[in-house]
Every structure is written in structure tokens, then in C-alpha cells.
N, C-alpha and C. Protein backbone atom coordinates (compact mmCIF):
# COMPACT_ATOMS: atom_id res chain seq x y z
N MET A 1 111.82 173.09 74.72
CA MET A 1 111.76 173.89 75.94
C MET A 1 110.72 174.99 75.78
N SER A 2 109.89 175.19 76.78
CA SER A 2 108.88 176.24 76.71
C SER A 2 109.52 177.60 76.91
N VAL A 3 108.90 178.60 76.33
CA VAL A 3 109.39 179.96 76.42
C VAL A 3 108.47 180.76 77.33
N VAL A 4 109.00 181.35 78.38
CA VAL A 4 108.21 182.19 79.28
C VAL A 4 108.26 183.62 78.78
N PRO A 5 107.12 184.29 78.60
CA PRO A 5 107.11 185.65 78.08
C PRO A 5 107.84 186.63 78.99
N ASP A 6 108.30 187.71 78.41
CA ASP A 6 108.91 188.80 79.17
C ASP A 6 107.80 189.62 79.80
N HIS A 7 107.55 189.44 81.08
CA HIS A 7 106.44 190.10 81.76
C HIS A 7 106.63 191.61 81.85
N SER A 8 107.84 192.09 81.68
CA SER A 8 108.10 193.51 81.85
C SER A 8 107.63 194.33 80.66
N THR A 9 107.42 193.70 79.50
CA THR A 9 107.05 194.45 78.31
C THR A 9 105.64 194.17 77.83
N ALA A 10 105.09 192.99 78.12
CA ALA A 10 103.75 192.64 77.63
C ALA A 10 102.70 193.17 78.58
N GLU A 11 101.54 193.53 78.03
CA GLU A 11 100.44 194.04 78.84
C GLU A 11 99.15 193.35 78.44
N ALA A 12 98.22 193.27 79.39
CA ALA A 12 96.91 192.71 79.10
C ALA A 12 96.15 193.63 78.15
N PRO A 13 95.45 193.08 77.16
CA PRO A 13 94.68 193.93 76.25
C PRO A 13 93.45 194.51 76.93
N PRO A 14 92.94 195.63 76.43
CA PRO A 14 91.75 196.27 77.02
C PRO A 14 90.48 195.56 76.58
N TRP A 15 90.07 194.55 77.30
CA TRP A 15 88.97 193.67 76.86
C TRP A 15 87.67 194.44 76.65
N ASP A 16 87.33 195.34 77.55
CA ASP A 16 86.06 196.04 77.43
C ASP A 16 86.01 196.87 76.15
N ASP A 17 87.15 197.41 75.75
CA ASP A 17 87.19 198.19 74.51
C ASP A 17 86.85 197.34 73.30
N LEU A 18 87.27 196.09 73.32
CA LEU A 18 86.99 195.19 72.19
C LEU A 18 85.49 194.98 72.02
N TYR A 19 84.77 194.86 73.13
CA TYR A 19 83.31 194.70 73.06
C TYR A 19 82.64 196.01 72.69
N ARG A 20 83.19 197.11 73.15
CA ARG A 20 82.62 198.41 72.83
C ARG A 20 82.70 198.71 71.33
N GLN A 21 83.72 198.19 70.68
CA GLN A 21 83.91 198.42 69.25
C GLN A 21 83.04 197.51 68.38
N GLY A 22 82.41 196.50 68.98
CA GLY A 22 81.57 195.59 68.21
C GLY A 22 81.65 194.18 68.76
N ASN A 23 81.49 193.20 67.89
CA ASN A 23 81.52 191.80 68.31
C ASN A 23 82.93 191.25 68.11
N PRO A 24 83.65 190.87 69.19
CA PRO A 24 85.01 190.35 69.03
C PRO A 24 85.02 189.06 68.20
N PRO A 25 86.16 188.71 67.63
CA PRO A 25 86.23 187.57 66.70
C PRO A 25 85.95 186.22 67.33
N TRP A 26 85.98 186.14 68.67
CA TRP A 26 85.71 184.85 69.32
C TRP A 26 84.24 184.69 69.70
N GLU A 27 83.44 185.72 69.52
CA GLU A 27 82.03 185.66 69.94
C GLU A 27 81.15 185.13 68.81
N THR A 28 80.73 183.87 68.92
CA THR A 28 79.87 183.25 67.91
C THR A 28 78.41 183.23 68.32
N ASN A 29 78.14 183.57 69.60
CA ASN A 29 76.77 183.55 70.15
C ASN A 29 76.18 182.15 70.21
N ARG A 30 77.05 181.16 70.27
CA ARG A 30 76.62 179.77 70.50
C ARG A 30 77.74 179.05 71.25
N PRO A 31 77.41 177.96 71.93
CA PRO A 31 78.45 177.25 72.69
C PRO A 31 79.51 176.69 71.76
N ALA A 32 80.74 176.62 72.25
CA ALA A 32 81.83 176.09 71.46
C ALA A 32 81.56 174.64 71.10
N ALA A 33 81.70 174.30 69.84
CA ALA A 33 81.43 172.94 69.38
C ALA A 33 82.33 171.92 70.09
N GLU A 34 83.55 172.30 70.39
CA GLU A 34 84.46 171.37 71.07
C GLU A 34 84.03 171.14 72.51
N LEU A 35 83.51 172.16 73.19
CA LEU A 35 82.95 171.97 74.52
C LEU A 35 81.77 171.01 74.46
N VAL A 36 80.89 171.22 73.53
CA VAL A 36 79.73 170.34 73.37
C VAL A 36 80.18 168.90 73.13
N ARG A 37 81.16 168.72 72.27
CA ARG A 37 81.65 167.38 71.94
C ARG A 37 82.18 166.67 73.18
N VAL A 38 83.01 167.37 73.95
CA VAL A 38 83.64 166.75 75.12
C VAL A 38 82.61 166.40 76.19
N VAL A 39 81.64 167.28 76.41
CA VAL A 39 80.60 167.00 77.40
C VAL A 39 79.71 165.86 76.93
N GLU A 40 79.30 165.89 75.68
CA GLU A 40 78.40 164.85 75.17
C GLU A 40 79.06 163.48 75.09
N LYS A 41 80.38 163.44 74.98
CA LYS A 41 81.11 162.17 75.03
C LYS A 41 81.27 161.65 76.45
N GLY A 42 80.89 162.45 77.44
CA GLY A 42 80.99 162.04 78.83
C GLY A 42 82.36 162.23 79.45
N LEU A 43 83.24 162.95 78.75
CA LEU A 43 84.58 163.19 79.30
C LEU A 43 84.54 164.20 80.45
N ILE A 44 83.53 165.04 80.44
CA ILE A 44 83.28 165.99 81.54
C ILE A 44 81.83 165.82 81.97
N LYS A 45 81.62 165.62 83.25
CA LYS A 45 80.27 165.42 83.78
C LYS A 45 79.89 166.60 84.67
N PRO A 46 78.58 166.80 84.88
CA PRO A 46 78.13 167.94 85.69
C PRO A 46 78.84 168.03 87.03
N CYS A 47 79.29 169.22 87.37
CA CYS A 47 80.06 169.46 88.58
C CYS A 47 80.13 170.97 88.79
N SER A 48 80.88 171.42 89.77
CA SER A 48 81.11 172.85 89.96
C SER A 48 82.20 173.30 89.00
N VAL A 49 81.91 174.34 88.22
CA VAL A 49 82.83 174.78 87.19
C VAL A 49 83.05 176.29 87.28
N LEU A 50 84.28 176.69 87.08
CA LEU A 50 84.63 178.09 86.96
C LEU A 50 85.08 178.34 85.52
N GLU A 51 84.39 179.26 84.83
CA GLU A 51 84.83 179.64 83.49
C GLU A 51 85.66 180.91 83.58
N LEU A 52 86.85 180.86 83.03
CA LEU A 52 87.77 181.99 83.04
C LEU A 52 87.56 182.80 81.77
N GLY A 53 87.09 184.04 81.93
CA GLY A 53 86.85 184.88 80.76
C GLY A 53 85.67 184.40 79.95
N CYS A 54 84.48 184.56 80.49
CA CYS A 54 83.28 183.94 79.91
C CYS A 54 82.68 184.73 78.75
N GLY A 55 83.13 185.96 78.51
CA GLY A 55 82.56 186.74 77.43
C GLY A 55 81.07 186.94 77.61
N SER A 56 80.33 186.78 76.53
CA SER A 56 78.88 187.01 76.58
C SER A 56 78.09 185.79 77.04
N GLY A 57 78.78 184.76 77.53
CA GLY A 57 78.12 183.71 78.30
C GLY A 57 77.52 182.53 77.57
N ALA A 58 77.79 182.35 76.28
CA ALA A 58 77.16 181.24 75.56
C ALA A 58 77.56 179.89 76.14
N ASP A 59 78.84 179.71 76.46
CA ASP A 59 79.29 178.44 77.03
C ASP A 59 78.76 178.24 78.44
N ALA A 60 78.80 179.31 79.25
CA ALA A 60 78.33 179.22 80.63
C ALA A 60 76.86 178.83 80.70
N VAL A 61 76.05 179.45 79.86
CA VAL A 61 74.61 179.14 79.85
C VAL A 61 74.38 177.71 79.38
N TRP A 62 75.11 177.28 78.37
CA TRP A 62 74.95 175.91 77.86
C TRP A 62 75.29 174.90 78.96
N LEU A 63 76.38 175.14 79.68
CA LEU A 63 76.76 174.23 80.76
C LEU A 63 75.71 174.22 81.87
N ALA A 64 75.20 175.39 82.23
CA ALA A 64 74.20 175.47 83.30
C ALA A 64 72.95 174.69 82.94
N ARG A 65 72.54 174.75 81.69
CA ARG A 65 71.33 174.04 81.26
C ARG A 65 71.55 172.53 81.20
N ARG A 66 72.77 172.09 81.36
CA ARG A 66 73.08 170.67 81.39
C ARG A 66 73.52 170.19 82.76
N GLY A 67 73.18 170.95 83.76
CA GLY A 67 73.34 170.48 85.13
C GLY A 67 74.61 170.89 85.83
N PHE A 68 75.44 171.70 85.20
CA PHE A 68 76.65 172.18 85.85
C PHE A 68 76.32 173.35 86.78
N GLU A 69 77.05 173.45 87.88
CA GLU A 69 76.96 174.60 88.79
C GLU A 69 78.02 175.60 88.34
N VAL A 70 77.60 176.64 87.63
CA VAL A 70 78.53 177.48 86.87
C VAL A 70 78.78 178.82 87.55
N THR A 71 80.06 179.13 87.75
CA THR A 71 80.52 180.47 88.07
C THR A 71 81.33 180.94 86.87
N ALA A 72 80.99 182.12 86.34
CA ALA A 72 81.63 182.61 85.12
C ALA A 72 82.12 184.03 85.36
N VAL A 73 83.41 184.24 85.11
CA VAL A 73 84.05 185.51 85.44
C VAL A 73 84.56 186.20 84.19
N ASP A 74 84.38 187.51 84.12
CA ASP A 74 84.96 188.30 83.05
C ASP A 74 85.16 189.72 83.56
N CYS A 75 86.15 190.42 82.99
CA CYS A 75 86.41 191.80 83.41
C CYS A 75 85.77 192.81 82.48
N ALA A 76 85.06 192.34 81.44
CA ALA A 76 84.42 193.24 80.48
C ALA A 76 82.95 193.41 80.85
N ALA A 77 82.58 194.60 81.32
CA ALA A 77 81.21 194.84 81.77
C ALA A 77 80.20 194.67 80.64
N ILE A 78 80.54 195.10 79.45
CA ILE A 78 79.61 194.98 78.32
C ILE A 78 79.33 193.51 78.02
N ALA A 79 80.36 192.69 78.06
CA ALA A 79 80.18 191.25 77.82
C ALA A 79 79.25 190.64 78.85
N LEU A 80 79.43 191.02 80.12
CA LEU A 80 78.60 190.42 81.17
C LEU A 80 77.16 190.92 81.11
N GLU A 81 76.94 192.12 80.65
CA GLU A 81 75.57 192.59 80.44
C GLU A 81 74.87 191.68 79.43
N ARG A 82 75.55 191.34 78.37
CA ARG A 82 74.99 190.44 77.36
C ARG A 82 74.80 189.04 77.94
N ALA A 83 75.74 188.62 78.79
CA ALA A 83 75.64 187.29 79.39
C ALA A 83 74.42 187.17 80.29
N HIS A 84 74.15 188.20 81.09
CA HIS A 84 72.97 188.18 81.97
C HIS A 84 71.69 188.07 81.14
N VAL A 85 71.61 188.81 80.05
CA VAL A 85 70.43 188.74 79.18
C VAL A 85 70.29 187.34 78.60
N ARG A 86 71.41 186.76 78.15
CA ARG A 86 71.38 185.42 77.56
C ARG A 86 70.87 184.39 78.58
N ALA A 87 71.35 184.49 79.82
CA ALA A 87 70.93 183.54 80.85
C ALA A 87 69.45 183.69 81.17
N GLU A 88 68.98 184.91 81.25
CA GLU A 88 67.56 185.14 81.53
C GLU A 88 66.69 184.58 80.41
N GLN A 89 67.08 184.79 79.19
CA GLN A 89 66.30 184.29 78.06
C GLN A 89 66.28 182.78 78.00
N ALA A 90 67.36 182.15 78.46
CA ALA A 90 67.46 180.69 78.44
C ALA A 90 66.96 180.05 79.73
N ASP A 91 66.53 180.88 80.71
CA ASP A 91 66.09 180.39 82.02
C ASP A 91 67.18 179.52 82.65
N ALA A 92 68.43 180.03 82.59
CA ALA A 92 69.58 179.30 83.13
C ALA A 92 70.12 180.04 84.35
N THR A 93 70.55 179.29 85.34
CA THR A 93 71.12 179.87 86.55
C THR A 93 72.64 179.83 86.45
N VAL A 94 73.23 181.00 86.33
CA VAL A 94 74.68 181.14 86.25
C VAL A 94 75.10 182.25 87.20
N ARG A 95 76.14 182.03 87.94
CA ARG A 95 76.71 183.09 88.77
C ARG A 95 77.74 183.84 87.93
N PHE A 96 77.35 184.97 87.39
CA PHE A 96 78.26 185.81 86.62
C PHE A 96 78.93 186.81 87.55
N VAL A 97 80.23 186.97 87.39
CA VAL A 97 81.00 187.85 88.26
C VAL A 97 81.83 188.81 87.41
N LEU A 98 81.65 190.10 87.64
CA LEU A 98 82.46 191.12 86.98
C LEU A 98 83.69 191.36 87.84
N ALA A 99 84.84 190.87 87.39
CA ALA A 99 86.04 190.97 88.21
C ALA A 99 87.26 190.59 87.39
N ASP A 100 88.40 191.02 87.87
CA ASP A 100 89.67 190.49 87.38
C ASP A 100 89.76 189.04 87.86
N VAL A 101 90.05 188.12 86.96
CA VAL A 101 90.05 186.70 87.30
C VAL A 101 91.01 186.41 88.46
N PHE A 102 92.18 186.99 88.42
CA PHE A 102 93.17 186.71 89.46
C PHE A 102 92.71 187.20 90.83
N GLU A 103 92.13 188.38 90.88
CA GLU A 103 91.65 188.91 92.15
C GLU A 103 90.47 188.09 92.67
N PHE A 104 89.58 187.69 91.77
CA PHE A 104 88.45 186.87 92.16
C PHE A 104 88.90 185.55 92.76
N ALA A 105 89.92 184.94 92.17
CA ALA A 105 90.34 183.60 92.58
C ALA A 105 91.00 183.57 93.95
N VAL A 106 91.41 184.72 94.46
CA VAL A 106 92.07 184.76 95.77
C VAL A 106 91.15 184.23 96.87
N GLU A 107 89.85 184.53 96.75
CA GLU A 107 88.90 184.17 97.81
C GLU A 107 87.97 183.02 97.41
N GLU A 108 88.15 182.44 96.23
CA GLU A 108 87.20 181.45 95.73
C GLU A 108 87.84 180.07 95.57
N GLY A 109 86.94 179.10 95.34
CA GLY A 109 87.41 177.75 95.07
C GLY A 109 87.39 176.88 96.32
N PRO A 110 87.75 175.62 96.16
CA PRO A 110 88.17 175.03 94.88
C PRO A 110 86.98 174.68 93.99
N PHE A 111 87.27 174.47 92.71
CA PHE A 111 86.27 174.05 91.74
C PHE A 111 86.68 172.68 91.18
N GLN A 112 85.66 171.92 90.78
CA GLN A 112 85.95 170.59 90.23
C GLN A 112 86.39 170.65 88.77
N LEU A 113 86.03 171.74 88.09
CA LEU A 113 86.41 171.93 86.69
C LEU A 113 86.72 173.40 86.46
N ILE A 114 87.83 173.66 85.78
CA ILE A 114 88.14 174.99 85.28
C ILE A 114 88.00 174.93 83.77
N TYR A 115 87.17 175.80 83.22
CA TYR A 115 86.96 175.86 81.77
C TYR A 115 87.55 177.15 81.24
N ASP A 116 88.33 177.03 80.18
CA ASP A 116 89.14 178.14 79.69
C ASP A 116 89.14 178.11 78.16
N ALA A 117 88.30 178.95 77.55
CA ALA A 117 88.23 179.01 76.09
C ALA A 117 88.98 180.24 75.59
N GLY A 118 90.28 180.27 75.82
CA GLY A 118 91.09 181.35 75.30
C GLY A 118 91.79 182.21 76.33
N PHE A 119 91.59 181.94 77.61
CA PHE A 119 92.25 182.76 78.64
C PHE A 119 93.74 182.46 78.70
N TYR A 120 94.09 181.18 78.77
CA TYR A 120 95.50 180.79 78.91
C TYR A 120 96.36 181.29 77.77
N HIS A 121 95.89 181.13 76.52
CA HIS A 121 96.77 181.51 75.41
C HIS A 121 96.98 183.02 75.33
N CYS A 122 96.14 183.80 76.00
CA CYS A 122 96.37 185.24 76.09
C CYS A 122 97.24 185.58 77.30
N VAL A 123 96.86 185.09 78.47
CA VAL A 123 97.53 185.51 79.70
C VAL A 123 98.96 185.00 79.78
N ARG A 124 99.28 183.89 79.12
CA ARG A 124 100.64 183.35 79.17
C ARG A 124 101.65 184.32 78.55
N GLN A 125 101.16 185.23 77.72
CA GLN A 125 102.06 186.17 77.08
C GLN A 125 102.59 187.24 78.03
N TYR A 126 101.87 187.45 79.15
CA TYR A 126 102.30 188.50 80.06
C TYR A 126 102.31 188.10 81.52
N ASP A 127 101.70 186.97 81.91
CA ASP A 127 101.73 186.59 83.32
C ASP A 127 101.47 185.10 83.50
N LEU A 128 102.29 184.29 82.87
CA LEU A 128 102.13 182.83 82.95
C LEU A 128 102.25 182.33 84.39
N ASP A 129 103.25 182.78 85.13
CA ASP A 129 103.46 182.27 86.47
C ASP A 129 102.25 182.55 87.38
N ARG A 130 101.66 183.72 87.24
CA ARG A 130 100.49 184.05 88.04
C ARG A 130 99.31 183.15 87.67
N HIS A 131 99.17 182.84 86.39
CA HIS A 131 98.10 181.95 85.95
C HIS A 131 98.28 180.56 86.54
N LEU A 132 99.48 180.03 86.50
CA LEU A 132 99.73 178.69 87.03
C LEU A 132 99.50 178.66 88.54
N ASP A 133 99.91 179.71 89.23
CA ASP A 133 99.68 179.78 90.67
C ASP A 133 98.19 179.80 90.98
N MET A 134 97.42 180.55 90.19
CA MET A 134 95.97 180.59 90.38
C MET A 134 95.35 179.22 90.18
N LEU A 135 95.74 178.54 89.11
CA LEU A 135 95.18 177.21 88.83
C LEU A 135 95.47 176.25 89.99
N TRP A 136 96.65 176.35 90.55
CA TRP A 136 97.01 175.49 91.68
C TRP A 136 96.10 175.76 92.88
N ARG A 137 95.81 177.02 93.13
CA ARG A 137 95.02 177.38 94.32
C ARG A 137 93.54 177.09 94.18
N ILE A 138 92.99 177.13 92.97
CA ILE A 138 91.54 176.95 92.82
C ILE A 138 91.15 175.53 92.41
N THR A 139 92.13 174.63 92.37
CA THR A 139 91.83 173.23 92.10
C THR A 139 92.37 172.36 93.22
N GLN A 140 91.86 171.14 93.27
CA GLN A 140 92.35 170.13 94.19
C GLN A 140 92.73 168.90 93.38
N PRO A 141 93.40 167.93 93.99
CA PRO A 141 93.68 166.69 93.27
C PRO A 141 92.43 166.10 92.64
N ARG A 142 92.57 165.66 91.38
CA ARG A 142 91.53 165.04 90.54
C ARG A 142 90.63 166.08 89.87
N ALA A 143 90.82 167.35 90.14
CA ALA A 143 90.07 168.39 89.42
C ALA A 143 90.50 168.42 87.96
N LEU A 144 89.59 168.85 87.08
CA LEU A 144 89.85 168.93 85.65
C LEU A 144 90.10 170.37 85.21
N TYR A 145 90.93 170.49 84.20
CA TYR A 145 91.15 171.78 83.54
C TYR A 145 90.98 171.53 82.05
N PHE A 146 89.99 172.21 81.45
CA PHE A 146 89.71 172.05 80.02
C PHE A 146 89.99 173.38 79.35
N ALA A 147 91.00 173.41 78.50
CA ALA A 147 91.43 174.64 77.85
C ALA A 147 91.39 174.50 76.34
N LEU A 148 90.85 175.51 75.67
CA LEU A 148 90.89 175.60 74.22
C LEU A 148 91.94 176.65 73.88
N VAL A 149 92.95 176.24 73.13
CA VAL A 149 94.17 177.04 72.97
C VAL A 149 94.49 177.21 71.49
N GLY A 150 94.89 178.39 71.09
CA GLY A 150 95.30 178.63 69.72
C GLY A 150 96.52 177.80 69.36
N ALA A 151 96.48 177.13 68.20
CA ALA A 151 97.58 176.26 67.77
C ALA A 151 98.54 176.99 66.85
N ASP A 152 99.79 176.59 66.90
CA ASP A 152 100.81 177.18 66.05
C ASP A 152 100.77 176.56 64.65
N GLY A 153 101.48 177.20 63.73
CA GLY A 153 101.68 176.62 62.41
C GLY A 153 100.72 177.06 61.33
N GLU A 154 99.74 177.91 61.65
CA GLU A 154 98.78 178.36 60.65
C GLU A 154 98.91 179.87 60.46
N GLN A 155 99.06 180.30 59.22
CA GLN A 155 99.13 181.72 58.90
C GLN A 155 97.72 182.21 58.58
N ALA A 156 97.11 182.88 59.55
CA ALA A 156 95.72 183.34 59.38
C ALA A 156 95.54 184.63 60.15
N GLU A 157 95.22 185.69 59.46
CA GLU A 157 95.06 186.99 60.10
C GLU A 157 93.86 187.00 61.05
N GLY A 158 94.06 187.60 62.22
CA GLY A 158 92.96 187.75 63.16
C GLY A 158 92.70 186.57 64.06
N GLY A 159 93.54 185.55 64.01
CA GLY A 159 93.33 184.37 64.83
C GLY A 159 93.83 184.54 66.26
N PRO A 160 93.63 183.52 67.10
CA PRO A 160 94.07 183.60 68.49
C PRO A 160 95.58 183.52 68.59
N PRO A 161 96.15 183.92 69.74
CA PRO A 161 97.58 183.71 69.96
C PRO A 161 97.94 182.24 69.77
N GLN A 162 99.09 181.98 69.17
CA GLN A 162 99.47 180.61 68.84
C GLN A 162 100.42 180.03 69.88
N VAL A 163 100.17 178.77 70.25
CA VAL A 163 100.96 178.07 71.25
C VAL A 163 101.32 176.70 70.67
N SER A 164 102.55 176.28 70.85
CA SER A 164 102.96 174.98 70.34
C SER A 164 102.59 173.86 71.31
N GLU A 165 102.57 172.65 70.80
CA GLU A 165 102.29 171.48 71.64
C GLU A 165 103.33 171.36 72.75
N ASP A 166 104.60 171.59 72.41
CA ASP A 166 105.66 171.49 73.42
C ASP A 166 105.49 172.55 74.51
N GLU A 167 105.07 173.75 74.13
CA GLU A 167 104.86 174.80 75.12
C GLU A 167 103.72 174.44 76.06
N ILE A 168 102.66 173.88 75.53
CA ILE A 168 101.53 173.49 76.38
C ILE A 168 101.96 172.43 77.39
N TYR A 169 102.67 171.40 76.89
CA TYR A 169 103.14 170.35 77.81
C TYR A 169 104.11 170.93 78.84
N GLY A 170 104.98 171.83 78.40
CA GLY A 170 105.98 172.37 79.31
C GLY A 170 105.40 173.31 80.35
N GLU A 171 104.33 174.01 80.01
CA GLU A 171 103.74 174.99 80.93
C GLU A 171 102.63 174.38 81.78
N LEU A 172 101.59 173.89 81.16
CA LEU A 172 100.46 173.34 81.92
C LEU A 172 100.81 171.99 82.55
N GLY A 173 101.80 171.30 81.97
CA GLY A 173 102.23 170.03 82.52
C GLY A 173 102.93 170.15 83.86
N ARG A 174 103.23 171.38 84.28
CA ARG A 174 103.81 171.57 85.61
C ARG A 174 102.80 171.23 86.71
N ILE A 175 101.52 171.33 86.38
CA ILE A 175 100.46 171.11 87.37
C ILE A 175 99.61 169.89 87.05
N PHE A 176 99.33 169.67 85.76
CA PHE A 176 98.31 168.70 85.36
C PHE A 176 98.89 167.53 84.56
N ASP A 177 98.21 166.40 84.66
CA ASP A 177 98.39 165.31 83.72
C ASP A 177 97.43 165.51 82.56
N PHE A 178 97.79 165.04 81.38
CA PHE A 178 96.97 165.26 80.20
C PHE A 178 96.07 164.06 79.93
N VAL A 179 94.77 164.33 79.80
CA VAL A 179 93.81 163.32 79.38
C VAL A 179 93.83 163.24 77.86
N HIS A 180 93.78 164.41 77.20
CA HIS A 180 94.01 164.46 75.76
C HIS A 180 94.54 165.84 75.37
N LEU A 181 95.27 165.84 74.28
CA LEU A 181 95.71 167.08 73.63
C LEU A 181 95.53 166.82 72.15
N ARG A 182 94.46 167.38 71.57
CA ARG A 182 94.10 167.06 70.20
C ARG A 182 93.78 168.34 69.43
N PRO A 183 94.00 168.32 68.11
CA PRO A 183 93.66 169.50 67.31
C PRO A 183 92.15 169.65 67.14
N PHE A 184 91.70 170.89 67.01
CA PHE A 184 90.31 171.19 66.68
C PHE A 184 90.31 172.54 65.98
N ARG A 185 89.13 173.05 65.62
CA ARG A 185 89.03 174.35 64.98
C ARG A 185 88.21 175.30 65.83
N PHE A 186 88.80 176.46 66.16
CA PHE A 186 88.03 177.53 66.78
C PHE A 186 87.04 178.07 65.75
N GLU A 187 85.79 178.23 66.15
CA GLU A 187 84.81 178.88 65.29
C GLU A 187 84.94 180.40 65.43
N SER A 188 84.67 181.12 64.35
CA SER A 188 84.74 182.57 64.39
C SER A 188 83.82 183.16 63.33
N PRO A 189 83.10 184.23 63.69
CA PRO A 189 82.24 184.88 62.70
C PRO A 189 83.05 185.58 61.60
N ARG A 190 84.35 185.71 61.81
CA ARG A 190 85.18 186.43 60.85
C ARG A 190 85.90 185.53 59.85
N ARG A 191 85.79 184.21 60.03
CA ARG A 191 86.50 183.30 59.13
C ARG A 191 85.73 181.99 59.06
N LYS A 192 85.21 181.66 57.90
CA LYS A 192 84.33 180.51 57.74
C LYS A 192 84.97 179.23 58.24
N GLU A 193 86.25 179.04 57.91
CA GLU A 193 86.94 177.80 58.29
C GLU A 193 87.49 177.85 59.71
N GLY A 194 87.32 178.98 60.39
CA GLY A 194 87.78 179.09 61.76
C GLY A 194 89.29 179.16 61.86
N TYR A 195 89.80 178.81 63.04
CA TYR A 195 91.24 178.90 63.30
C TYR A 195 91.72 177.63 64.00
N ALA A 196 92.97 177.28 63.74
CA ALA A 196 93.55 176.08 64.34
C ALA A 196 93.66 176.22 65.85
N GLY A 197 93.34 175.15 66.55
CA GLY A 197 93.44 175.17 68.01
C GLY A 197 93.79 173.82 68.58
N TRP A 198 94.10 173.84 69.86
CA TRP A 198 94.32 172.62 70.63
C TRP A 198 93.20 172.46 71.65
N SER A 199 92.64 171.27 71.72
CA SER A 199 91.70 170.91 72.78
C SER A 199 92.49 170.18 73.85
N CYS A 200 92.60 170.80 75.02
CA CYS A 200 93.45 170.27 76.09
C CYS A 200 92.60 169.92 77.31
N LEU A 201 92.44 168.65 77.57
CA LEU A 201 91.73 168.20 78.76
C LEU A 201 92.76 167.61 79.71
N MET A 202 92.81 168.15 80.92
CA MET A 202 93.84 167.78 81.89
C MET A 202 93.22 167.47 83.24
N LYS A 203 93.95 166.71 84.02
CA LYS A 203 93.50 166.38 85.38
C LYS A 203 94.66 166.61 86.34
N ARG A 204 94.34 167.21 87.48
CA ARG A 204 95.36 167.38 88.51
C ARG A 204 95.63 166.03 89.16
N PRO A 205 96.86 165.62 89.29
CA PRO A 205 97.18 164.32 89.88
C PRO A 205 96.59 164.15 91.28
N GLU A 206 96.28 162.92 91.63
CA GLU A 206 95.64 162.66 92.91
C GLU A 206 96.57 162.97 94.08
N PHE A 207 97.85 162.71 93.90
CA PHE A 207 98.80 162.92 95.00
C PHE A 207 99.77 164.04 94.61
N THR A 208 99.41 165.29 95.01
CA THR A 208 100.27 166.44 94.73
C THR A 208 100.37 167.32 95.95
């Protein structure tokens, strides 16, 4: 059975402060290897994509240079300043938006792909229901949701929030069918071997 966090006690972390203090542990300044793998295998093809929590934009720029129509949202102004510079240097067209993801999604969508490299495993701790409601509103039947999620079972300081396989199926399975749920390693400048994660590719059922 999945566990829903106590929303009354958990709070969202101050994302902008993390960038102000230096380079956060998830910022490698290159596209996620698992994203590259999935796209190059043809499991995800160019389409309209919304990236939730894009950080300094390495994934968004990589997707744009491969033909995706990218909208990338983050609430950290410092991160988006770096993202704009990255896109300009790469001659990539990305719509970067400085906003709270939930507020942005009220007026946007639908998108054919939602890309999430760490948003879900953070937000589920304090507002899972709001996240699921947002995903429902910004997708349509047959839309894809690709999430990279911290995996449970590894004792490693400084890693992402950990989520079990059963929790992922119990939470995200309320909306999506699973194309794959496989282990991978999050890359991090703070740990050579990275951190355990789940690569979750999902599709919204055609008749919902």
C-alpha cells in the first residue's frame, strides 16, 4: 500500500537558496544519461514537452536540439538565468518559464510528454494529490509521462528522496499505465557512482 505524506507538516524546500549556495547535487551540466538512452532508443519521439523543474536547462536544451518543442518551468530564478545562457550558447529554442509549476499548469497544456527528473519524488512528500491532479489536467489520453525517481534501499548521504516500486505503482498508477519501470543511476557531481533511481515511462490510457 502506498503511503501519502502528511501535508500539514511537510513543506517545499527553498529551491532558489540551493542555487544561491552553489551547484546543487543534481546539476551535472549535461543531459541525463537515462533521458538520452530513452530518446535514442526511440521510446520517446519529438513532440510538445513540458519539463517540470528544469533547473539550469541541460535536459531542456538537449531535447530542443533534437526536435522537441520544449517548455521548461522552474521556480528558481538563478537556475533559469543559467538555463537561458545555456540555450543561447547552444542555439536552442526553449520556452523557459519562471513560475510555480502548479500555478503555471492552471492555464497551460495539454502536452504530449511530461518530463520529470526529480520533481515527483520531492513534491509527493508534501502535495501528492495536487501533483496528480496537475498531471491529469495537462495531459490527454496517450500522452507520456517520463519520470526519474529516487529508488529505495540504498544508504547514501545526499541522495534524492527515496520511493519504493510499490509506492510508484500505487501513486502514479492512478493515472498512467506503465511502459517500463527499471532501475538506473542518477548522476551527481558529489558522488562518482551516483545514486539509485527508477526510470519510469508511463502512458495515459486511451480511454479515460
